[in-house]
């Protein structure tokens, strides 16, 4: 790989086990029942910074930016309750929008914009809606219409303590965690 090679990256929260496996099973269920497999290209996650391209030889700059963004952050609870959708293609596990989560997301985006000039045009008009996707772009509309009633009133609840953010890089086939950056509490 030449030093100027660019790859896709994004920043997310990754839940611990057993939540990670539970959500993976939901993605497999959607694939097996409704033919949507695109969500299987990444592990369960809550996106903080949407995908962007960056030079591979400068990955350390992304990591440094994330270290600054999470500096002084305290662990907080991430709460899941039921399912939601973005019609007509996306079904997801709900993530409660809490103040610590919103602040973390804003700080990650702001820090990366400042340090790396990384921006994503998709942010301009989209409010932050934290979620964990189980089906998306390849879920055909008729299958969405069949799947959504199954998940709309289905029970699922979980919570976990967030103590880090993860930088993921696309391998060419799927997303993989490149670096986990833990919160560093100021003393």
C-alpha atoms as a PDB file:
ATOM      1  CA  UNK A   1       0.000   0.000   0.000  1.00  0.00           C
ATOM      2  CA  UNK A   2       1.562   3.282  -1.051  1.00  0.00           C
ATOM      3  CA  UNK A   3       1.776   6.074   1.519  1.00  0.00           C
ATOM      4  CA  UNK A   4      -0.784   8.254  -0.263  1.00  0.00           C
ATOM      5  CA  UNK A   5      -3.386   5.499  -0.356  1.00  0.00           C
ATOM      6  CA  UNK A   6      -6.710   6.643   1.030  1.00  0.00           C
ATOM      7  CA  UNK A   7      -9.130   4.480   2.960  1.00  0.00           C
ATOM      8  CA  UNK A   8     -12.564   4.925   4.459  1.00  0.00           C
ATOM      9  CA  UNK A   9     -12.813   5.493   8.217  1.00  0.00           C
ATOM     10  CA  UNK A  10     -15.538   6.246  10.729  1.00  0.00           C
ATOM     11  CA  UNK A  11     -15.800   6.754  14.486  1.00  0.00           C
ATOM     12  CA  UNK A  12     -18.247   4.798  16.621  1.00  0.00           C
ATOM     13  CA  UNK A  13     -19.133   3.360  19.987  1.00  0.00           C
ATOM     14  CA  UNK A  14     -18.931  -0.442  20.072  1.00  0.00           C
ATOM     15  CA  UNK A  15     -21.121  -2.185  22.657  1.00  0.00           C
ATOM     16  CA  UNK A  16     -19.701  -4.989  24.796  1.00  0.00           C
ATOM     17  CA  UNK A  17     -20.849  -8.597  24.838  1.00  0.00           C
ATOM     18  CA  UNK A  18     -23.534  -9.878  24.976  1.00  0.00           C
ATOM     19  CA  UNK A  19     -25.090  -6.847  23.217  1.00  0.00           C
ATOM     20  CA  UNK A  20     -22.671  -7.061  20.286  1.00  0.00           C
ATOM     21  CA  UNK A  21     -23.652 -10.699  19.635  1.00  0.00           C
ATOM     22  CA  UNK A  22     -27.372 -10.049  20.178  1.00  0.00           C
ATOM     23  CA  UNK A  23     -27.355  -7.317  17.548  1.00  0.00           C
ATOM     24  CA  UNK A  24     -25.294  -9.511  15.187  1.00  0.00           C
ATOM     25  CA  UNK A  25     -27.965 -12.232  15.489  1.00  0.00           C
ATOM     26  CA  UNK A  26     -30.630  -9.645  14.575  1.00  0.00           C
ATOM     27  CA  UNK A  27     -28.630  -8.734  11.450  1.00  0.00           C
ATOM     28  CA  UNK A  28     -28.422 -12.425  10.519  1.00  0.00           C
ATOM     29  CA  UNK A  29     -32.164 -12.813  11.103  1.00  0.00           C
ATOM     30  CA  UNK A  30     -32.851  -9.880   8.752  1.00  0.00           C
ATOM     31  CA  UNK A  31     -30.525 -11.424   6.155  1.00  0.00           C
ATOM     32  CA  UNK A  32     -32.118 -14.861   6.409  1.00  0.00           C
ATOM     33  CA  UNK A  33     -35.724 -13.644   6.472  1.00  0.00           C
ATOM     34  CA  UNK A  34     -35.688 -10.458   4.386  1.00  0.00           C
ATOM     35  CA  UNK A  35     -32.588 -10.752   2.190  1.00  0.00           C
ATOM     36  CA  UNK A  36     -30.713  -7.733   3.540  1.00  0.00           C
ATOM     37  CA  UNK A  37     -27.059  -8.466   4.288  1.00  0.00           C
ATOM     38  CA  UNK A  38     -25.296  -5.075   3.976  1.00  0.00           C
ATOM     39  CA  UNK A  39     -25.484  -4.484   7.758  1.00  0.00           C
ATOM     40  CA  UNK A  40     -23.296  -7.569   8.256  1.00  0.00           C
ATOM     41  CA  UNK A  41     -20.296  -5.635   6.897  1.00  0.00           C
ATOM     42  CA  UNK A  42     -19.851  -3.932  10.265  1.00  0.00           C
ATOM     43  CA  UNK A  43     -20.198  -4.981  13.880  1.00  0.00           C
ATOM     44  CA  UNK A  44     -22.890  -3.494  16.123  1.00  0.00           C
ATOM     45  CA  UNK A  45     -22.047   0.179  16.626  1.00  0.00           C
ATOM     46  CA  UNK A  46     -23.363   3.676  17.261  1.00  0.00           C
ATOM     47  CA  UNK A  47     -21.881   6.102  14.703  1.00  0.00           C
ATOM     48  CA  UNK A  48     -20.331   9.303  16.063  1.00  0.00           C
ATOM     49  CA  UNK A  49     -18.605  10.443  12.857  1.00  0.00           C
ATOM     50  CA  UNK A  50     -19.879   9.243   9.494  1.00  0.00           C
ATOM     51  CA  UNK A  51     -17.453   7.634   7.008  1.00  0.00           C
ATOM     52  CA  UNK A  52     -14.726   9.826   5.529  1.00  0.00           C
ATOM     53  CA  UNK A  53     -11.610   9.225   3.452  1.00  0.00           C
ATOM     54  CA  UNK A  54      -8.128   9.845   4.801  1.00  0.00           C
ATOM     55  CA  UNK A  55      -4.556   8.889   3.938  1.00  0.00           C
ATOM     56  CA  UNK A  56      -3.404   5.619   5.500  1.00  0.00           C
ATOM     57  CA  UNK A  57       0.037   7.057   6.307  1.00  0.00           C
ATOM     58  CA  UNK A  58      -1.645   9.740   8.435  1.00  0.00           C
ATOM     59  CA  UNK A  59      -3.884   7.486  10.562  1.00  0.00           C
ATOM     60  CA  UNK A  60      -1.961   8.521  13.674  1.00  0.00           C
ATOM     61  CA  UNK A  61      -3.376  12.044  13.209  1.00  0.00           C
ATOM     62  CA  UNK A  62      -6.939  10.662  13.402  1.00  0.00           C
ATOM     63  CA  UNK A  63      -6.077   8.784  16.591  1.00  0.00           C
ATOM     64  CA  UNK A  64      -4.452  11.887  18.136  1.00  0.00           C
ATOM     65  CA  UNK A  65      -7.578  13.890  17.296  1.00  0.00           C
ATOM     66  CA  UNK A  66      -9.784  11.277  18.984  1.00  0.00           C
ATOM     67  CA  UNK A  67      -7.550  11.282  22.079  1.00  0.00           C
ATOM     68  CA  UNK A  68      -8.111  15.057  22.359  1.00  0.00           C
ATOM     69  CA  UNK A  69     -11.853  14.710  21.713  1.00  0.00           C
ATOM     70  CA  UNK A  70     -12.396  12.241  24.575  1.00  0.00           C
ATOM     71  CA  UNK A  71      -9.976  13.825  27.036  1.00  0.00           C
ATOM     72  CA  UNK A  72     -11.683  14.386  30.374  1.00  0.00           C
ATOM     73  CA  UNK A  73     -14.818  12.454  29.378  1.00  0.00           C
ATOM     74  CA  UNK A  74     -16.474  10.368  32.068  1.00  0.00           C
ATOM     75  CA  UNK A  75     -18.007   6.951  31.399  1.00  0.00           C
ATOM     76  CA  UNK A  76     -21.747   7.099  30.760  1.00  0.00           C
ATOM     77  CA  UNK A  77     -24.624   4.706  30.167  1.00  0.00           C
ATOM     78  CA  UNK A  78     -25.851   3.834  26.706  1.00  0.00           C
ATOM     79  CA  UNK A  79     -29.477   2.657  26.795  1.00  0.00           C
ATOM     80  CA  UNK A  80     -31.282   0.610  24.143  1.00  0.00           C
ATOM     81  CA  UNK A  81     -35.059   0.312  24.113  1.00  0.00           C
ATOM     82  CA  UNK A  82     -36.906  -1.255  21.207  1.00  0.00           C
ATOM     83  CA  UNK A  83     -36.500  -0.559  17.503  1.00  0.00           C
ATOM     84  CA  UNK A  84     -36.948   2.273  15.056  1.00  0.00           C
ATOM     85  CA  UNK A  85     -36.763   2.862  11.319  1.00  0.00           C
ATOM     86  CA  UNK A  86     -35.946   5.337   8.592  1.00  0.00           C
ATOM     87  CA  UNK A  87     -38.431   4.430   5.889  1.00  0.00           C
ATOM     88  CA  UNK A  88     -38.182   2.744   3.439  1.00  0.00           C
ATOM     89  CA  UNK A  89     -34.875   0.913   3.974  1.00  0.00           C
ATOM     90  CA  UNK A  90     -33.447   1.152   7.495  1.00  0.00           C
ATOM     91  CA  UNK A  91     -34.355  -0.758  10.667  1.00  0.00           C
ATOM     92  CA  UNK A  92     -32.333  -0.218  13.820  1.00  0.00           C
ATOM     93  CA  UNK A  93     -32.052  -0.809  17.549  1.00  0.00           C
ATOM     94  CA  UNK A  94     -32.991   2.402  19.384  1.00  0.00           C
ATOM     95  CA  UNK A  95     -30.307   4.251  21.335  1.00  0.00           C
ATOM     96  CA  UNK A  96     -31.522   6.772  23.890  1.00  0.00           C
ATOM     97  CA  UNK A  97     -30.254  10.250  23.039  1.00  0.00           C
ATOM     98  CA  UNK A  98     -28.624  11.385  26.275  1.00  0.00           C
ATOM     99  CA  UNK A  99     -26.692  14.560  26.996  1.00  0.00           C
ATOM    100  CA  UNK A 100     -23.311  12.792  27.491  1.00  0.00           C
ATOM    101  CA  UNK A 101     -23.760  10.959  24.173  1.00  0.00           C
ATOM    102  CA  UNK A 102     -24.695  14.162  22.322  1.00  0.00           C
ATOM    103  CA  UNK A 103     -21.757  16.051  23.830  1.00  0.00           C
ATOM    104  CA  UNK A 104     -19.335  13.250  22.909  1.00  0.00           C
ATOM    105  CA  UNK A 105     -20.589  13.157  19.317  1.00  0.00           C
ATOM    106  CA  UNK A 106     -20.344  16.950  18.967  1.00  0.00           C
ATOM    107  CA  UNK A 107     -16.843  16.990  20.423  1.00  0.00           C
ATOM    108  CA  UNK A 108     -15.593  14.189  18.137  1.00  0.00           C
ATOM    109  CA  UNK A 109     -16.969  15.924  15.032  1.00  0.00           C
ATOM    110  CA  UNK A 110     -15.679  19.357  16.115  1.00  0.00           C
ATOM    111  CA  UNK A 111     -12.196  18.061  17.011  1.00  0.00           C
ATOM    112  CA  UNK A 112     -11.803  16.143  13.750  1.00  0.00           C
ATOM    113  CA  UNK A 113     -12.982  19.133  11.740  1.00  0.00           C
ATOM    114  CA  UNK A 114     -10.471  21.337  13.543  1.00  0.00           C
ATOM    115  CA  UNK A 115      -7.484  18.961  13.492  1.00  0.00           C
ATOM    116  CA  UNK A 116      -7.985  17.104  10.226  1.00  0.00           C
ATOM    117  CA  UNK A 117     -10.285  19.333   8.144  1.00  0.00           C
ATOM    118  CA  UNK A 118     -12.511  16.242   7.966  1.00  0.00           C
ATOM    119  CA  UNK A 119     -16.066  17.110   7.207  1.00  0.00           C
ATOM    120  CA  UNK A 120     -18.996  15.171   5.885  1.00  0.00           C
ATOM    121  CA  UNK A 121     -21.623  16.980   3.837  1.00  0.00           C
ATOM    122  CA  UNK A 122     -24.258  14.574   5.159  1.00  0.00           C
ATOM    123  CA  UNK A 123     -24.060  16.286   8.566  1.00  0.00           C
ATOM    124  CA  UNK A 124     -25.334  19.636   7.332  1.00  0.00           C
ATOM    125  CA  UNK A 125     -29.049  18.966   7.616  1.00  0.00           C
ATOM    126  CA  UNK A 126     -29.227  15.784   9.666  1.00  0.00           C
ATOM    127  CA  UNK A 127     -29.979  15.866  13.376  1.00  0.00           C
ATOM    128  CA  UNK A 128     -28.086  13.372  15.529  1.00  0.00           C
ATOM    129  CA  UNK A 129     -30.217  10.252  15.838  1.00  0.00           C
ATOM    130  CA  UNK A 130     -28.137   7.600  17.635  1.00  0.00           C
ATOM    131  CA  UNK A 131     -28.982   4.027  16.652  1.00  0.00           C
ATOM    132  CA  UNK A 132     -27.551   0.595  15.821  1.00  0.00           C
ATOM    133  CA  UNK A 133     -28.499  -0.433  12.272  1.00  0.00           C
ATOM    134  CA  UNK A 134     -29.656  -4.006  11.652  1.00  0.00           C
ATOM    135  CA  UNK A 135     -30.871  -3.502   8.040  1.00  0.00           C
ATOM    136  CA  UNK A 136     -30.289  -0.740   5.507  1.00  0.00           C
ATOM    137  CA  UNK A 137     -29.437   0.036   1.887  1.00  0.00           C
ATOM    138  CA  UNK A 138     -30.082  -3.417   0.389  1.00  0.00           C
ATOM    139  CA  UNK A 139     -33.406  -3.936   2.195  1.00  0.00           C
ATOM    140  CA  UNK A 140     -35.915  -3.736  -0.633  1.00  0.00           C
ATOM    141  CA  UNK A 141     -39.043  -1.676   0.019  1.00  0.00           C
ATOM    142  CA  UNK A 142     -41.470  -4.674  -0.079  1.00  0.00           C
ATOM    143  CA  UNK A 143     -39.221  -6.500   2.403  1.00  0.00           C
ATOM    144  CA  UNK A 144     -39.045  -3.404   4.611  1.00  0.00           C
ATOM    145  CA  UNK A 145     -42.862  -3.305   4.621  1.00  0.00           C
ATOM    146  CA  UNK A 146     -42.899  -6.955   5.746  1.00  0.00           C
ATOM    147  CA  UNK A 147     -40.045  -6.631   8.260  1.00  0.00           C
ATOM    148  CA  UNK A 148     -40.968  -3.404  10.051  1.00  0.00           C
ATOM    149  CA  UNK A 149     -44.203  -4.746  11.651  1.00  0.00           C
ATOM    150  CA  UNK A 150     -42.109  -7.596  13.112  1.00  0.00           C
ATOM    151  CA  UNK A 151     -39.713  -5.167  14.825  1.00  0.00           C
ATOM    152  CA  UNK A 152     -41.986  -2.198  15.493  1.00  0.00           C
ATOM    153  CA  UNK A 153     -43.405  -3.644  18.733  1.00  0.00           C
ATOM    154  CA  UNK A 154     -40.702  -6.197  19.480  1.00  0.00           C
ATOM    155  CA  UNK A 155     -39.135  -5.936  22.922  1.00  0.00           C
ATOM    156  CA  UNK A 156     -35.432  -5.331  23.267  1.00  0.00           C
ATOM    157  CA  UNK A 157     -33.718  -3.468  26.047  1.00  0.00           C
ATOM    158  CA  UNK A 158     -30.117  -3.303  27.155  1.00  0.00           C
ATOM    159  CA  UNK A 159     -27.672  -0.882  28.688  1.00  0.00           C
ATOM    160  CA  UNK A 160     -23.929  -0.656  28.959  1.00  0.00           C
ATOM    161  CA  UNK A 161     -21.246   1.721  30.128  1.00  0.00           C
ATOM    162  CA  UNK A 162     -19.411   3.606  27.393  1.00  0.00           C
ATOM    163  CA  UNK A 163     -15.753   4.193  28.246  1.00  0.00           C
ATOM    164  CA  UNK A 164     -14.173   4.609  24.810  1.00  0.00           C
ATOM    165  CA  UNK A 165     -14.635   5.432  21.137  1.00  0.00           C
ATOM    166  CA  UNK A 166     -13.399   3.311  18.248  1.00  0.00           C
ATOM    167  CA  UNK A 167     -11.828   4.242  14.937  1.00  0.00           C
ATOM    168  CA  UNK A 168     -12.900   1.799  12.246  1.00  0.00           C
ATOM    169  CA  UNK A 169     -11.266   1.350   8.830  1.00  0.00           C
ATOM    170  CA  UNK A 170     -12.764  -0.331   5.793  1.00  0.00           C
ATOM    171  CA  UNK A 171     -10.715  -3.344   4.705  1.00  0.00           C
ATOM    172  CA  UNK A 172     -12.154  -3.392   1.203  1.00  0.00           C
ATOM    173  CA  UNK A 173     -14.757  -5.952   2.287  1.00  0.00           C
ATOM    174  CA  UNK A 174     -15.902  -4.918   5.759  1.00  0.00           C
ATOM    175  CA  UNK A 175     -15.295  -2.526   8.638  1.00  0.00           C
ATOM    176  CA  UNK A 176     -12.743  -3.429  11.311  1.00  0.00           C
ATOM    177  CA  UNK A 177     -11.684  -1.664  14.512  1.00  0.00           C
ATOM    178  CA  UNK A 178      -8.327   0.003  13.910  1.00  0.00           C
ATOM    179  CA  UNK A 179      -7.988   1.671  17.323  1.00  0.00           C
ATOM    180  CA  UNK A 180      -9.950   1.963  20.555  1.00  0.00           C
ATOM    181  CA  UNK A 181      -9.411   5.246  22.394  1.00  0.00           C
ATOM    182  CA  UNK A 182     -10.350   5.122  26.075  1.00  0.00           C
ATOM    183  CA  UNK A 183     -11.603   8.074  28.051  1.00  0.00           C
ATOM    184  CA  UNK A 184      -8.819   9.772  29.989  1.00  0.00           C
ATOM    185  CA  UNK A 185     -10.125  11.431  33.093  1.00  0.00           C
ATOM    186  CA  UNK A 186      -8.458  14.636  34.198  1.00  0.00           C
ATOM    187  CA  UNK A 187      -7.043  14.428  37.708  1.00  0.00           C
END
